[in-house]
Amino acid sequence: MIPFFTDLTLLALCVVGITALMGSISQFIAVKLFGGKKVFHFVDKSKSFQENWSPVKRR
């Protein structure tokens, strides 16, 4: 009976692990294949706006 629960636990961990990694892997592939030249367009634009901001001084 113990080997059954061990196998069930290992199977559950593998299924959960593969499911969790599948989203990250598919996003990476999609960005590399379909991202084109404008992958970081919005990130760069936001950084360019934030460069001229003055830092907030805490009390």
C-alpha atoms as a PDB file:
ATOM      1  CA  MET A   1       0.000   0.000   0.000  1.00  0.00           C
ATOM      2  CA  ILE A   2       2.899   2.364   0.733  1.00  0.00           C
ATOM      3  CA  PRO A   3       4.369   2.003  -2.792  1.00  0.00           C
ATOM      4  CA  PHE A   4       0.977   2.991  -4.235  1.00  0.00           C
ATOM      5  CA  PHE A   5       0.893   6.255  -2.277  1.00  0.00           C
ATOM      6  CA  THR A   6       4.542   6.924  -3.123  1.00  0.00           C
ATOM      7  CA  ASP A   7       3.812   6.499  -6.834  1.00  0.00           C
ATOM      8  CA  LEU A   8       0.671   8.631  -6.562  1.00  0.00           C
ATOM      9  CA  THR A   9       2.599  11.406  -4.812  1.00  0.00           C
ATOM     10  CA  LEU A  10       5.385  11.357  -7.393  1.00  0.00           C
ATOM     11  CA  LEU A  11       2.863  11.437 -10.231  1.00  0.00           C
ATOM     12  CA  ALA A  12       1.028  14.373  -8.643  1.00  0.00           C
ATOM     13  CA  LEU A  13       4.288  16.302  -8.194  1.00  0.00           C
ATOM     14  CA  CYS A  14       5.284  15.670 -11.800  1.00  0.00           C
ATOM     15  CA  VAL A  15       1.901  16.765 -13.149  1.00  0.00           C
ATOM     16  CA  VAL A  16       1.899  19.938 -11.047  1.00  0.00           C
ATOM     17  CA  GLY A  17       5.517  20.713 -11.961  1.00  0.00           C
ATOM     18  CA  ILE A  18       5.007  20.209 -15.686  1.00  0.00           C
ATOM     19  CA  THR A  19       1.826  22.290 -15.604  1.00  0.00           C
ATOM     20  CA  ALA A  20       3.614  25.126 -13.809  1.00  0.00           C
ATOM     21  CA  LEU A  21       6.535  25.141 -16.229  1.00  0.00           C
ATOM     22  CA  MET A  22       4.386  24.848 -19.350  1.00  0.00           C
ATOM     23  CA  GLY A  23       3.187  28.462 -19.098  1.00  0.00           C
ATOM     24  CA  SER A  24       6.693  29.869 -18.755  1.00  0.00           C
ATOM     25  CA  ILE A  25       8.074  27.759 -21.580  1.00  0.00           C
ATOM     26  CA  SER A  26       5.228  28.620 -23.962  1.00  0.00           C
ATOM     27  CA  GLN A  27       5.539  32.347 -23.180  1.00  0.00           C
ATOM     28  CA  PHE A  28       9.296  32.249 -23.844  1.00  0.00           C
ATOM     29  CA  ILE A  29       8.774  30.492 -27.177  1.00  0.00           C
ATOM     30  CA  ALA A  30       5.979  32.876 -28.187  1.00  0.00           C
ATOM     31  CA  VAL A  31       8.063  35.962 -27.421  1.00  0.00           C
ATOM     32  CA  LYS A  32      11.070  34.625 -29.313  1.00  0.00           C
ATOM     33  CA  LEU A  33       9.072  33.495 -32.354  1.00  0.00           C
ATOM     34  CA  PHE A  34       6.363  36.148 -32.613  1.00  0.00           C
ATOM     35  CA  GLY A  35       7.846  39.065 -30.689  1.00  0.00           C
ATOM     36  CA  GLY A  36       9.636  40.620 -33.626  1.00  0.00           C
ATOM     37  CA  LYS A  37      11.595  43.816 -33.209  1.00  0.00           C
ATOM     38  CA  LYS A  38       9.160  45.424 -30.788  1.00  0.00           C
ATOM     39  CA  VAL A  39       9.550  42.972 -27.925  1.00  0.00           C
ATOM     40  CA  PHE A  40      10.736  45.623 -25.453  1.00  0.00           C
ATOM     41  CA  HIS A  41       8.918  48.593 -26.997  1.00  0.00           C
ATOM     42  CA  PHE A  42       6.702  49.325 -23.984  1.00  0.00           C
ATOM     43  CA  VAL A  43       9.435  48.563 -21.459  1.00  0.00           C
ATOM     44  CA  ASP A  44      11.838  50.967 -23.162  1.00  0.00           C
ATOM     45  CA  LYS A  45       9.174  53.661 -23.434  1.00  0.00           C
ATOM     46  CA  SER A  46       8.331  53.382 -19.753  1.00  0.00           C
ATOM     47  CA  LYS A  47      12.025  53.553 -18.797  1.00  0.00           C
ATOM     48  CA  SER A  48      12.479  56.670 -20.909  1.00  0.00           C
ATOM     49  CA  PHE A  49       9.631  58.383 -19.026  1.00  0.00           C
ATOM     50  CA  GLN A  50      10.977  57.355 -15.635  1.00  0.00           C
ATOM     51  CA  GLU A  51      14.531  58.584 -16.261  1.00  0.00           C
ATOM     52  CA  ASN A  52      13.495  62.209 -15.778  1.00  0.00           C
ATOM     53  CA  TRP A  53      11.532  61.648 -12.589  1.00  0.00           C
ATOM     54  CA  SER A  54      12.952  63.003  -9.374  1.00  0.00           C
ATOM     55  CA  PRO A  55      13.319  60.471  -6.572  1.00  0.00           C
ATOM     56  CA  VAL A  56      10.816  60.488  -3.711  1.00  0.00           C
ATOM     57  CA  LYS A  57      12.413  61.475  -0.428  1.00  0.00           C
ATOM     58  CA  ARG A  58      11.263  59.576   2.604  1.00  0.00           C
ATOM     59  CA  ARG A  59      10.990  61.117   6.017  1.00  0.00           C
END
